[in-house]
Amino acid sequence: MKNKNTINITKEKRDEMISAIKNYFLNEREEEIGDLRAGLMLDFIREELAPEFYNQGVSDSYTYMRDTIEDLLSIRK
């Protein structure tokens, strides 16, 4: 069963991310992994970790917009 909080990605982007994971393992760990293992790693990151990064981005955007709006209000005459 898929987590409804999962961040959706296109097949093309998924393929790029799987390739990036495989390259990371090869370059950083000198370990070759296949598409299945890299795909499972991507699924874990997407389902378990990505929502936290997304939420942090939303919070950062909110803070930026709030501060920008307050700056805008400060130039009133």
C-alpha atoms as a PDB file:
ATOM      1  CA  MET A   1       0.000   0.000   0.000  1.00  0.00           C
ATOM      2  CA  LYS A   2       1.376   3.398  -0.961  1.00  0.00           C
ATOM      3  CA  ASN A   3       1.649   6.186   1.537  1.00  0.00           C
ATOM      4  CA  LYS A   4      -0.649   9.046   0.527  1.00  0.00           C
ATOM      5  CA  ASN A   5       1.987  11.549   1.666  1.00  0.00           C
ATOM      6  CA  THR A   6       4.419  10.255  -0.949  1.00  0.00           C
ATOM      7  CA  ILE A   7       5.855  12.822  -3.311  1.00  0.00           C
ATOM      8  CA  ASN A   8       4.979  11.903  -6.898  1.00  0.00           C
ATOM      9  CA  ILE A   9       7.614  11.864  -9.630  1.00  0.00           C
ATOM     10  CA  THR A  10       7.461  11.100 -13.332  1.00  0.00           C
ATOM     11  CA  LYS A  11       8.925   7.885 -14.750  1.00  0.00           C
ATOM     12  CA  GLU A  12      11.650   9.918 -16.467  1.00  0.00           C
ATOM     13  CA  LYS A  13      12.613  11.661 -13.224  1.00  0.00           C
ATOM     14  CA  ARG A  14      12.501   8.328 -11.357  1.00  0.00           C
ATOM     15  CA  ASP A  15      14.872   6.811 -13.919  1.00  0.00           C
ATOM     16  CA  GLU A  16      17.246   9.783 -13.503  1.00  0.00           C
ATOM     17  CA  MET A  17      17.147   9.426  -9.714  1.00  0.00           C
ATOM     18  CA  ILE A  18      17.801   5.678  -9.882  1.00  0.00           C
ATOM     19  CA  SER A  19      20.787   6.384 -12.110  1.00  0.00           C
ATOM     20  CA  ALA A  20      22.033   9.002  -9.638  1.00  0.00           C
ATOM     21  CA  ILE A  21      21.738   6.543  -6.739  1.00  0.00           C
ATOM     22  CA  LYS A  22      23.620   3.883  -8.700  1.00  0.00           C
ATOM     23  CA  ASN A  23      26.357   6.402  -9.545  1.00  0.00           C
ATOM     24  CA  TYR A  24      26.585   7.474  -5.910  1.00  0.00           C
ATOM     25  CA  PHE A  25      27.107   3.901  -4.730  1.00  0.00           C
ATOM     26  CA  LEU A  26      29.667   3.294  -7.441  1.00  0.00           C
ATOM     27  CA  ASN A  27      31.637   6.521  -6.889  1.00  0.00           C
ATOM     28  CA  GLU A  28      31.395   6.860  -3.109  1.00  0.00           C
ATOM     29  CA  ARG A  29      31.250   3.241  -1.974  1.00  0.00           C
ATOM     30  CA  GLU A  30      32.856   1.463  -4.934  1.00  0.00           C
ATOM     31  CA  GLU A  31      29.786  -0.780  -4.978  1.00  0.00           C
ATOM     32  CA  GLU A  32      27.697  -1.610  -8.015  1.00  0.00           C
ATOM     33  CA  ILE A  33      24.000  -1.908  -7.353  1.00  0.00           C
ATOM     34  CA  GLY A  34      21.227  -2.763  -9.759  1.00  0.00           C
ATOM     35  CA  ASP A  35      18.091  -0.929 -10.740  1.00  0.00           C
ATOM     36  CA  LEU A  36      15.970  -2.883  -8.249  1.00  0.00           C
ATOM     37  CA  ARG A  37      18.120  -2.025  -5.239  1.00  0.00           C
ATOM     38  CA  ALA A  38      18.457   1.607  -6.320  1.00  0.00           C
ATOM     39  CA  GLY A  39      14.685   1.782  -6.906  1.00  0.00           C
ATOM     40  CA  LEU A  40      13.991   0.407  -3.435  1.00  0.00           C
ATOM     41  CA  MET A  41      16.378   2.976  -1.964  1.00  0.00           C
ATOM     42  CA  LEU A  42      14.595   5.726  -3.887  1.00  0.00           C
ATOM     43  CA  ASP A  43      11.198   4.483  -2.680  1.00  0.00           C
ATOM     44  CA  PHE A  44      12.412   4.572   0.932  1.00  0.00           C
ATOM     45  CA  ILE A  45      13.775   8.102   0.548  1.00  0.00           C
ATOM     46  CA  ARG A  46      10.637   9.288  -1.232  1.00  0.00           C
ATOM     47  CA  GLU A  47       8.210   7.754   1.259  1.00  0.00           C
ATOM     48  CA  GLU A  48      10.067   8.235   4.537  1.00  0.00           C
ATOM     49  CA  LEU A  49      12.434  11.197   4.148  1.00  0.00           C
ATOM     50  CA  ALA A  50      11.219  13.439   1.320  1.00  0.00           C
ATOM     51  CA  PRO A  51       8.061  14.609   3.141  1.00  0.00           C
ATOM     52  CA  GLU A  52      10.266  16.126   5.862  1.00  0.00           C
ATOM     53  CA  PHE A  53      12.319  18.021   3.272  1.00  0.00           C
ATOM     54  CA  TYR A  54       9.112  19.152   1.576  1.00  0.00           C
ATOM     55  CA  ASN A  55       7.641  20.377   4.845  1.00  0.00           C
ATOM     56  CA  GLN A  56      10.844  22.270   5.636  1.00  0.00           C
ATOM     57  CA  GLY A  57      10.654  23.919   2.204  1.00  0.00           C
ATOM     58  CA  VAL A  58       7.061  24.962   2.871  1.00  0.00           C
ATOM     59  CA  SER A  59       8.053  26.406   6.263  1.00  0.00           C
ATOM     60  CA  ASP A  60      11.024  28.250   4.764  1.00  0.00           C
ATOM     61  CA  SER A  61       8.818  29.661   1.993  1.00  0.00           C
ATOM     62  CA  TYR A  62       6.240  30.814   4.523  1.00  0.00           C
ATOM     63  CA  THR A  63       8.908  32.547   6.615  1.00  0.00           C
ATOM     64  CA  TYR A  64      10.367  34.240   3.543  1.00  0.00           C
ATOM     65  CA  MET A  65       6.958  35.429   2.333  1.00  0.00           C
ATOM     66  CA  ARG A  66       5.976  36.653   5.810  1.00  0.00           C
ATOM     67  CA  ASP A  67       9.205  38.623   6.168  1.00  0.00           C
ATOM     68  CA  THR A  68       8.885  40.037   2.650  1.00  0.00           C
ATOM     69  CA  ILE A  69       5.318  41.167   3.289  1.00  0.00           C
ATOM     70  CA  GLU A  70       6.377  42.839   6.546  1.00  0.00           C
ATOM     71  CA  ASP A  71       9.145  44.663   4.642  1.00  0.00           C
ATOM     72  CA  LEU A  72       6.608  45.768   2.045  1.00  0.00           C
ATOM     73  CA  LEU A  73       4.294  47.157   4.721  1.00  0.00           C
ATOM     74  CA  SER A  74       7.181  49.141   6.221  1.00  0.00           C
ATOM     75  CA  ILE A  75       7.406  51.395   3.124  1.00  0.00           C
ATOM     76  CA  ARG A  76       3.866  52.710   3.492  1.00  0.00           C
ATOM     77  CA  LYS A  77       3.541  56.519   3.619  1.00  0.00           C
END
